[in-house]
Amino acid sequence: MRGNLIELGPENTPHTLQDALESYQTAVKLDPKFAEAWEEIGHYYDAVLADEKSAQKFLQEAERLRGNLVA
């Protein structure tokens, strides 16, 4: 949630978009099966960094965790 609040919050905040990514990464470290955090990392790579290729790895992991893809 912290990462989402940083990404979607007002521009005049002490947090950077990098802080949002770090929040998602921390969530994954705490719970590697947290599909939503993997998805948010994928979204970050796609929308913020314009790196669709890297984003796909994270989005696929989210789908795999949700049981929608076979590893």
PDB file of N, CA and C in Angstrom:
ATOM      1  N   MET A   1       0.824  -1.198   0.000  1.00  0.00           N
ATOM      2  CA  MET A   1       0.000   0.000   0.000  1.00  0.00           C
ATOM      3  C   MET A   1       0.869   1.263   0.000  1.00  0.00           C
ATOM      4  N   ARG A   2       1.991   1.196   0.711  1.00  0.00           N
ATOM      5  CA  ARG A   2       2.860   2.369   0.776  1.00  0.00           C
ATOM      6  C   ARG A   2       3.332   2.761  -0.624  1.00  0.00           C
ATOM      7  N   GLY A   3       3.751   1.778  -1.392  1.00  0.00           N
ATOM      8  CA  GLY A   3       4.214   2.062  -2.750  1.00  0.00           C
ATOM      9  C   GLY A   3       3.128   2.703  -3.598  1.00  0.00           C
ATOM     10  N   ASN A   4       1.915   2.198  -3.484  1.00  0.00           N
ATOM     11  CA  ASN A   4       0.801   2.771  -4.247  1.00  0.00           C
ATOM     12  C   ASN A   4       0.526   4.207  -3.817  1.00  0.00           C
ATOM     13  N   LEU A   5       0.569   4.459  -2.520  1.00  0.00           N
ATOM     14  CA  LEU A   5       0.325   5.819  -2.037  1.00  0.00           C
ATOM     15  C   LEU A   5       1.388   6.781  -2.545  1.00  0.00           C
ATOM     16  N   ILE A   6       2.624   6.318  -2.592  1.00  0.00           N
ATOM     17  CA  ILE A   6       3.691   7.175  -3.107  1.00  0.00           C
ATOM     18  C   ILE A   6       3.489   7.440  -4.596  1.00  0.00           C
ATOM     19  N   GLU A   7       3.208   6.389  -5.356  1.00  0.00           N
ATOM     20  CA  GLU A   7       3.028   6.550  -6.806  1.00  0.00           C
ATOM     21  C   GLU A   7       1.834   7.421  -7.153  1.00  0.00           C
ATOM     22  N   LEU A   8       0.754   7.256  -6.439  1.00  0.00           N
ATOM     23  CA  LEU A   8      -0.488   7.931  -6.797  1.00  0.00           C
ATOM     24  C   LEU A   8      -0.748   9.207  -6.003  1.00  0.00           C
ATOM     25  N   GLY A   9       0.094   9.454  -5.004  1.00  0.00           N
ATOM     26  CA  GLY A   9      -0.105  10.608  -4.131  1.00  0.00           C
ATOM     27  C   GLY A   9       0.308  11.917  -4.776  1.00  0.00           C
ATOM     28  N   PRO A  10       0.217  12.964  -3.985  1.00  0.00           N
ATOM     29  CA  PRO A  10       0.568  14.293  -4.499  1.00  0.00           C
ATOM     30  C   PRO A  10       2.052  14.393  -4.843  1.00  0.00           C
ATOM     31  N   GLU A  11       2.374  15.293  -5.736  1.00  0.00           N
ATOM     32  CA  GLU A  11       3.757  15.462  -6.173  1.00  0.00           C
ATOM     33  C   GLU A  11       4.638  16.102  -5.108  1.00  0.00           C
ATOM     34  N   ASN A  12       4.056  16.891  -4.249  1.00  0.00           N
ATOM     35  CA  ASN A  12       4.844  17.586  -3.225  1.00  0.00           C
ATOM     36  C   ASN A  12       4.979  16.718  -1.962  1.00  0.00           C
ATOM     37  N   THR A  13       5.634  15.606  -2.118  1.00  0.00           N
ATOM     38  CA  THR A  13       5.857  14.672  -1.022  1.00  0.00           C
ATOM     39  C   THR A  13       7.363  14.438  -0.893  1.00  0.00           C
ATOM     40  N   PRO A  14       7.829  14.075   0.286  1.00  0.00           N
ATOM     41  CA  PRO A  14       9.261  13.818   0.433  1.00  0.00           C
ATOM     42  C   PRO A  14       9.706  12.486  -0.189  1.00  0.00           C
ATOM     43  N   HIS A  15       8.763  11.704  -0.675  1.00  0.00           N
ATOM     44  CA  HIS A  15       9.074  10.392  -1.234  1.00  0.00           C
ATOM     45  C   HIS A  15       9.250  10.472  -2.750  1.00  0.00           C
ATOM     46  N   THR A  16      10.111   9.613  -3.265  1.00  0.00           N
ATOM     47  CA  THR A  16      10.345   9.548  -4.704  1.00  0.00           C
ATOM     48  C   THR A  16       9.687   8.292  -5.265  1.00  0.00           C
ATOM     49  N   LEU A  17       9.603   8.219  -6.565  1.00  0.00           N
ATOM     50  CA  LEU A  17       9.074   7.013  -7.186  1.00  0.00           C
ATOM     51  C   LEU A  17       9.967   5.818  -6.880  1.00  0.00           C
ATOM     52  N   GLN A  18      11.250   6.045  -6.697  1.00  0.00           N
ATOM     53  CA  GLN A  18      12.157   4.961  -6.302  1.00  0.00           C
ATOM     54  C   GLN A  18      11.747   4.394  -4.937  1.00  0.00           C
ATOM     55  N   ASP A  19      11.245   5.246  -4.053  1.00  0.00           N
ATOM     56  CA  ASP A  19      10.753   4.776  -2.753  1.00  0.00           C
ATOM     57  C   ASP A  19       9.573   3.831  -2.938  1.00  0.00           C
ATOM     58  N   ALA A  20       8.745   4.098  -3.926  1.00  0.00           N
ATOM     59  CA  ALA A  20       7.612   3.217  -4.207  1.00  0.00           C
ATOM     60  C   ALA A  20       8.120   1.842  -4.622  1.00  0.00           C
ATOM     61  N   LEU A  21       9.081   1.810  -5.544  1.00  0.00           N
ATOM     62  CA  LEU A  21       9.641   0.540  -5.987  1.00  0.00           C
ATOM     63  C   LEU A  21      10.258  -0.210  -4.813  1.00  0.00           C
ATOM     64  N   GLU A  22      10.979   0.481  -3.974  1.00  0.00           N
ATOM     65  CA  GLU A  22      11.598  -0.153  -2.815  1.00  0.00           C
ATOM     66  C   GLU A  22      10.547  -0.727  -1.862  1.00  0.00           C
ATOM     67  N   SER A  23       9.411  -0.075  -1.755  1.00  0.00           N
ATOM     68  CA  SER A  23       8.323  -0.603  -0.928  1.00  0.00           C
ATOM     69  C   SER A  23       7.799  -1.918  -1.491  1.00  0.00           C
ATOM     70  N   TYR A  24       7.617  -1.973  -2.805  1.00  0.00           N
ATOM     71  CA  TYR A  24       7.156  -3.219  -3.432  1.00  0.00           C
ATOM     72  C   TYR A  24       8.193  -4.329  -3.260  1.00  0.00           C
ATOM     73  N   GLN A  25       9.460  -3.969  -3.413  1.00  0.00           N
ATOM     74  CA  GLN A  25      10.524  -4.958  -3.262  1.00  0.00           C
ATOM     75  C   GLN A  25      10.603  -5.481  -1.832  1.00  0.00           C
ATOM     76  N   THR A  26      10.386  -4.613  -0.869  1.00  0.00           N
ATOM     77  CA  THR A  26      10.371  -5.041   0.532  1.00  0.00           C
ATOM     78  C   THR A  26       9.220  -6.002   0.774  1.00  0.00           C
ATOM     79  N   ALA A  27       8.066  -5.709   0.189  1.00  0.00           N
ATOM     80  CA  ALA A  27       6.909  -6.591   0.352  1.00  0.00           C
ATOM     81  C   ALA A  27       7.217  -7.986  -0.189  1.00  0.00           C
ATOM     82  N   VAL A  28       7.906  -8.056  -1.317  1.00  0.00           N
ATOM     83  CA  VAL A  28       8.264  -9.345  -1.917  1.00  0.00           C
ATOM     84  C   VAL A  28       9.278 -10.084  -1.043  1.00  0.00           C
ATOM     85  N   LYS A  29      10.207  -9.351  -0.461  1.00  0.00           N
ATOM     86  CA  LYS A  29      11.185  -9.984   0.429  1.00  0.00           C
ATOM     87  C   LYS A  29      10.502 -10.558   1.668  1.00  0.00           C
ATOM     88  N   LEU A  30       9.534  -9.829   2.193  1.00  0.00           N
ATOM     89  CA  LEU A  30       8.814 -10.295   3.380  1.00  0.00           C
ATOM     90  C   LEU A  30       7.886 -11.457   3.071  1.00  0.00           C
ATOM     91  N   ASP A  31       7.302 -11.450   1.878  1.00  0.00           N
ATOM     92  CA  ASP A  31       6.382 -12.509   1.475  1.00  0.00           C
ATOM     93  C   ASP A  31       6.553 -12.775  -0.023  1.00  0.00           C
ATOM     94  N   PRO A  32       7.453 -13.686  -0.368  1.00  0.00           N
ATOM     95  CA  PRO A  32       7.709 -13.967  -1.784  1.00  0.00           C
ATOM     96  C   PRO A  32       6.493 -14.475  -2.558  1.00  0.00           C
ATOM     97  N   LYS A  33       5.439 -14.849  -1.874  1.00  0.00           N
ATOM     98  CA  LYS A  33       4.229 -15.341  -2.540  1.00  0.00           C
ATOM     99  C   LYS A  33       3.159 -14.257  -2.665  1.00  0.00           C
ATOM    100  N   PHE A  34       3.509 -13.021  -2.390  1.00  0.00           N
ATOM    101  CA  PHE A  34       2.573 -11.897  -2.432  1.00  0.00           C
ATOM    102  C   PHE A  34       2.440 -11.422  -3.880  1.00  0.00           C
ATOM    103  N   ALA A  35       1.494 -12.014  -4.587  1.00  0.00           N
ATOM    104  CA  ALA A  35       1.327 -11.765  -6.023  1.00  0.00           C
ATOM    105  C   ALA A  35       1.096 -10.293  -6.340  1.00  0.00           C
ATOM    106  N   GLU A  36       0.351  -9.601  -5.513  1.00  0.00           N
ATOM    107  CA  GLU A  36       0.063  -8.194  -5.800  1.00  0.00           C
ATOM    108  C   GLU A  36       1.338  -7.351  -5.810  1.00  0.00           C
ATOM    109  N   ALA A  37       2.270  -7.652  -4.925  1.00  0.00           N
ATOM    110  CA  ALA A  37       3.535  -6.901  -4.903  1.00  0.00           C
ATOM    111  C   ALA A  37       4.332  -7.157  -6.183  1.00  0.00           C
ATOM    112  N   TRP A  38       4.356  -8.410  -6.643  1.00  0.00           N
ATOM    113  CA  TRP A  38       5.030  -8.721  -7.907  1.00  0.00           C
ATOM    114  C   TRP A  38       4.386  -7.937  -9.054  1.00  0.00           C
ATOM    115  N   GLU A  39       3.064  -7.895  -9.032  1.00  0.00           N
ATOM    116  CA  GLU A  39       2.344  -7.170 -10.081  1.00  0.00           C
ATOM    117  C   GLU A  39       2.672  -5.677 -10.043  1.00  0.00           C
ATOM    118  N   GLU A  40       2.750  -5.112  -8.850  1.00  0.00           N
ATOM    119  CA  GLU A  40       3.066  -3.686  -8.726  1.00  0.00           C
ATOM    120  C   GLU A  40       4.480  -3.384  -9.216  1.00  0.00           C
ATOM    121  N   ILE A  41       5.420  -4.292  -8.961  1.00  0.00           N
ATOM    122  CA  ILE A  41       6.766  -4.104  -9.490  1.00  0.00           C
ATOM    123  C   ILE A  41       6.718  -4.116 -11.022  1.00  0.00           C
ATOM    124  N   GLY A  42       5.966  -5.049 -11.578  1.00  0.00           N
ATOM    125  CA  GLY A  42       5.808  -5.096 -13.028  1.00  0.00           C
ATOM    126  C   GLY A  42       5.204  -3.824 -13.578  1.00  0.00           C
ATOM    127  N   HIS A  43       4.177  -3.344 -12.911  1.00  0.00           N
ATOM    128  CA  HIS A  43       3.541  -2.095 -13.338  1.00  0.00           C
ATOM    129  C   HIS A  43       4.549  -0.945 -13.276  1.00  0.00           C
ATOM    130  N   TYR A  44       5.343  -0.896 -12.224  1.00  0.00           N
ATOM    131  CA  TYR A  44       6.349   0.157 -12.072  1.00  0.00           C
ATOM    132  C   TYR A  44       7.334   0.120 -13.236  1.00  0.00           C
ATOM    133  N   TYR A  45       7.848  -1.068 -13.537  1.00  0.00           N
ATOM    134  CA  TYR A  45       8.801  -1.187 -14.645  1.00  0.00           C
ATOM    135  C   TYR A  45       8.166  -0.760 -15.961  1.00  0.00           C
ATOM    136  N   ASP A  46       6.908  -1.092 -16.166  1.00  0.00           N
ATOM    137  CA  ASP A  46       6.229  -0.750 -17.410  1.00  0.00           C
ATOM    138  C   ASP A  46       5.888   0.737 -17.474  1.00  0.00           C
ATOM    139  N   ALA A  47       5.204   1.242 -16.454  1.00  0.00           N
ATOM    140  CA  ALA A  47       4.670   2.604 -16.499  1.00  0.00           C
ATOM    141  C   ALA A  47       5.694   3.684 -16.162  1.00  0.00           C
ATOM    142  N   VAL A  48       6.558   3.415 -15.211  1.00  0.00           N
ATOM    143  CA  VAL A  48       7.499   4.442 -14.767  1.00  0.00           C
ATOM    144  C   VAL A  48       8.816   4.367 -15.532  1.00  0.00           C
ATOM    145  N   LEU A  49       9.332   3.163 -15.699  1.00  0.00           N
ATOM    146  CA  LEU A  49      10.633   3.002 -16.344  1.00  0.00           C
ATOM    147  C   LEU A  49      10.534   2.725 -17.844  1.00  0.00           C
ATOM    148  N   ALA A  50       9.327   2.502 -18.342  1.00  0.00           N
ATOM    149  CA  ALA A  50       9.102   2.185 -19.762  1.00  0.00           C
ATOM    150  C   ALA A  50       9.965   1.000 -20.204  1.00  0.00           C
ATOM    151  N   ASP A  51      10.025  -0.010 -19.337  1.00  0.00           N
ATOM    152  CA  ASP A  51      10.822  -1.212 -19.598  1.00  0.00           C
ATOM    153  C   ASP A  51       9.872  -2.414 -19.609  1.00  0.00           C
ATOM    154  N   GLU A  52       9.167  -2.549 -20.720  1.00  0.00           N
ATOM    155  CA  GLU A  52       8.148  -3.590 -20.835  1.00  0.00           C
ATOM    156  C   GLU A  52       8.736  -4.994 -20.716  1.00  0.00           C
ATOM    157  N   LYS A  53       9.924  -5.194 -21.250  1.00  0.00           N
ATOM    158  CA  LYS A  53      10.544  -6.518 -21.205  1.00  0.00           C
ATOM    159  C   LYS A  53      10.785  -6.952 -19.755  1.00  0.00           C
ATOM    160  N   SER A  54      11.356  -6.082 -18.942  1.00  0.00           N
ATOM    161  CA  SER A  54      11.572  -6.412 -17.525  1.00  0.00           C
ATOM    162  C   SER A  54      10.246  -6.547 -16.793  1.00  0.00           C
ATOM    163  N   ALA A  55       9.296  -5.705 -17.131  1.00  0.00           N
ATOM    164  CA  ALA A  55       7.984  -5.748 -16.479  1.00  0.00           C
ATOM    165  C   ALA A  55       7.339  -7.110 -16.638  1.00  0.00           C
ATOM    166  N   GLN A  56       7.493  -7.714 -17.800  1.00  0.00           N
ATOM    167  CA  GLN A  56       6.853  -8.996 -18.070  1.00  0.00           C
ATOM    168  C   GLN A  56       7.287 -10.081 -17.090  1.00  0.00           C
ATOM    169  N   LYS A  57       8.549 -10.075 -16.680  1.00  0.00           N
ATOM    170  CA  LYS A  57       9.032 -11.082 -15.720  1.00  0.00           C
ATOM    171  C   LYS A  57       8.254 -10.998 -14.416  1.00  0.00           C
ATOM    172  N   PHE A  58       8.045  -9.774 -13.935  1.00  0.00           N
ATOM    173  CA  PHE A  58       7.348  -9.587 -12.666  1.00  0.00           C
ATOM    174  C   PHE A  58       5.857  -9.880 -12.798  1.00  0.00           C
ATOM    175  N   LEU A  59       5.278  -9.466 -13.901  1.00  0.00           N
ATOM    176  CA  LEU A  59       3.858  -9.736 -14.132  1.00  0.00           C
ATOM    177  C   LEU A  59       3.591 -11.231 -14.284  1.00  0.00           C
ATOM    178  N   GLN A  60       4.498 -11.931 -14.943  1.00  0.00           N
ATOM    179  CA  GLN A  60       4.341 -13.383 -15.084  1.00  0.00           C
ATOM    180  C   GLN A  60       4.471 -14.086 -13.740  1.00  0.00           C
ATOM    181  N   GLU A  61       5.347 -13.595 -12.892  1.00  0.00           N
ATOM    182  CA  GLU A  61       5.469 -14.187 -11.551  1.00  0.00           C
ATOM    183  C   GLU A  61       4.178 -13.982 -10.769  1.00  0.00           C
ATOM    184  N   ALA A  62       3.582 -12.816 -10.885  1.00  0.00           N
ATOM    185  CA  ALA A  62       2.307 -12.562 -10.211  1.00  0.00           C
ATOM    186  C   ALA A  62       1.242 -13.535 -10.708  1.00  0.00           C
ATOM    187  N   GLU A  63       1.177 -13.725 -12.009  1.00  0.00           N
ATOM    188  CA  GLU A  63       0.204 -14.657 -12.578  1.00  0.00           C
ATOM    189  C   GLU A  63       0.483 -16.089 -12.124  1.00  0.00           C
ATOM    190  N   ARG A  64       1.740 -16.465 -12.091  1.00  0.00           N
ATOM    191  CA  ARG A  64       2.103 -17.813 -11.645  1.00  0.00           C
ATOM    192  C   ARG A  64       1.663 -18.030 -10.199  1.00  0.00           C
ATOM    193  N   LEU A  65       1.891 -17.047  -9.370  1.00  0.00           N
ATOM    194  CA  LEU A  65       1.504 -17.151  -7.962  1.00  0.00           C
ATOM    195  C   LEU A  65      -0.003 -17.238  -7.783  1.00  0.00           C
ATOM    196  N   ARG A  66      -0.724 -16.606  -8.671  1.00  0.00           N
ATOM    197  CA  ARG A  66      -2.178 -16.660  -8.622  1.00  0.00           C
ATOM    198  C   ARG A  66      -2.707 -17.954  -9.213  1.00  0.00           C
ATOM    199  N   GLY A  67      -1.806 -18.756  -9.786  1.00  0.00           N
ATOM    200  CA  GLY A  67      -2.224 -20.034 -10.354  1.00  0.00           C
ATOM    201  C   GLY A  67      -2.737 -19.949 -11.764  1.00  0.00           C
ATOM    202  N   ASN A  68      -2.478 -18.821 -12.415  1.00  0.00           N
ATOM    203  CA  ASN A  68      -2.966 -18.626 -13.776  1.00  0.00           C
ATOM    204  C   ASN A  68      -1.976 -19.062 -14.838  1.00  0.00           C
ATOM    205  N   LEU A  69      -0.739 -19.300 -14.459  1.00  0.00           N
ATOM    206  CA  LEU A  69       0.278 -19.765 -15.389  1.00  0.00           C
ATOM    207  C   LEU A  69       1.029 -20.939 -14.774  1.00  0.00           C
ATOM    208  N   VAL A  70       1.517 -21.788 -15.614  1.00  0.00           N
ATOM    209  CA  VAL A  70       2.342 -22.881 -15.149  1.00  0.00           C
ATOM    210  C   VAL A  70       3.795 -22.453 -15.277  1.00  0.00           C
ATOM    211  N   ALA A  71       4.586 -22.665 -14.220  1.00  0.00           N
ATOM    212  CA  ALA A  71       5.998 -22.229 -14.235  1.00  0.00           C
ATOM    213  C   ALA A  71       6.804 -23.032 -15.212  1.00  0.00           C
TER     214      ALA A  71
END
